[in-house]
């Protein structure tokens, strides 16, 4: 009658390999999440920089129009 269980002295070794494989999977998953978050951060920063430029330009235009209106100039 053969048993599918390894001898007692091999069990800790097999458990060690199983743990290492598990740690490797977790480490790989953490790396993928980190890569995604870094990419997302870069993308968001870039988009926010563009949005900031557009808002700055709009603020300048509003200030210009307000100044002209205050002086009574026509906007044509």
Protein backbone atom coordinates (compact mmCIF):
# COMPACT_ATOMS: atom_id res chain seq x y z
CA UNK A 1 0.00 0.00 0.00
CA UNK A 2 1.67 3.21 -1.13
CA UNK A 3 0.96 6.53 0.47
CA UNK A 4 0.75 9.82 -1.40
CA UNK A 5 2.18 11.66 1.56
CA UNK A 6 5.90 12.45 1.56
CA UNK A 7 8.07 11.09 4.34
CA UNK A 8 8.03 13.16 7.50
CA UNK A 9 11.51 14.57 6.90
CA UNK A 10 10.44 15.96 3.47
CA UNK A 11 7.27 17.72 4.63
CA UNK A 12 9.00 20.84 5.98
CA UNK A 13 10.96 21.13 2.73
CA UNK A 14 7.82 20.86 0.61
CA UNK A 15 6.04 23.36 2.86
CA UNK A 16 9.01 25.72 2.50
CA UNK A 17 8.75 25.53 -1.31
CA UNK A 18 4.99 26.07 -1.17
CA UNK A 19 5.54 29.12 1.04
CA UNK A 20 8.19 30.46 -1.33
CA UNK A 21 5.86 30.05 -4.31
CA UNK A 22 3.08 31.82 -2.41
CA UNK A 23 5.42 34.69 -1.47
CA UNK A 24 6.54 34.91 -5.11
CA UNK A 25 2.93 35.18 -6.32
CA UNK A 26 2.14 37.84 -3.71
CA UNK A 27 5.34 39.75 -4.54
CA UNK A 28 4.51 39.67 -8.24
CA UNK A 29 0.99 40.92 -7.55
CA UNK A 30 2.29 43.74 -5.37
CA UNK A 31 4.72 44.72 -8.13
CA UNK A 32 1.89 44.83 -10.70
CA UNK A 33 -0.23 46.97 -8.38
CA UNK A 34 2.73 49.27 -7.71
CA UNK A 35 3.45 49.62 -11.43
CA UNK A 36 -0.20 50.46 -12.09
CA UNK A 37 -0.32 53.02 -9.28
CA UNK A 38 2.89 54.68 -10.46
CA UNK A 39 1.55 54.84 -14.01
CA UNK A 40 -1.78 56.21 -12.75
CA UNK A 41 0.06 58.83 -10.67
CA UNK A 42 2.11 59.96 -13.67
CA UNK A 43 -0.98 60.15 -15.86
CA UNK A 44 -2.94 62.12 -13.25
CA UNK A 45 -0.09 64.55 -12.65
CA UNK A 46 0.22 65.16 -16.39
CA UNK A 47 -3.51 65.73 -16.82
CA UNK A 48 -3.64 68.00 -13.79
CA UNK A 49 -0.73 70.04 -15.15
CA UNK A 50 -2.58 70.54 -18.46
CA UNK A 51 -5.76 71.45 -16.59
CA UNK A 52 -3.81 73.89 -14.43
CA UNK A 53 -2.42 75.60 -17.55
CA UNK A 54 -5.92 75.92 -19.01
CA UNK A 55 -7.31 77.33 -15.76
CA UNK A 56 -4.45 79.82 -15.51
CA UNK A 57 -5.16 81.02 -19.06
CA UNK A 58 -8.87 81.35 -18.29
CA UNK A 59 -8.11 83.30 -15.10
CA UNK A 60 -5.93 85.70 -17.10
CA UNK A 61 -8.71 86.22 -19.65
CA UNK A 62 -11.28 86.86 -16.92
CA UNK A 63 -8.95 89.38 -15.25
CA UNK A 64 -8.40 91.11 -18.59
CA UNK A 65 -12.13 91.29 -19.30
CA UNK A 66 -12.86 92.51 -15.76
CA UNK A 67 -10.24 95.24 -16.15
CA UNK A 68 -11.74 96.38 -19.46
CA UNK A 69 -15.26 96.38 -18.02
CA UNK A 70 -14.09 98.36 -14.99
CA UNK A 71 -12.51 100.97 -17.28
CA UNK A 72 -15.72 101.12 -19.32
CA UNK A 73 -14.13 99.81 -22.50
CA UNK A 74 -16.15 97.90 -25.00
CA UNK A 75 -15.39 94.23 -25.49
CA UNK A 76 -15.65 94.21 -29.27
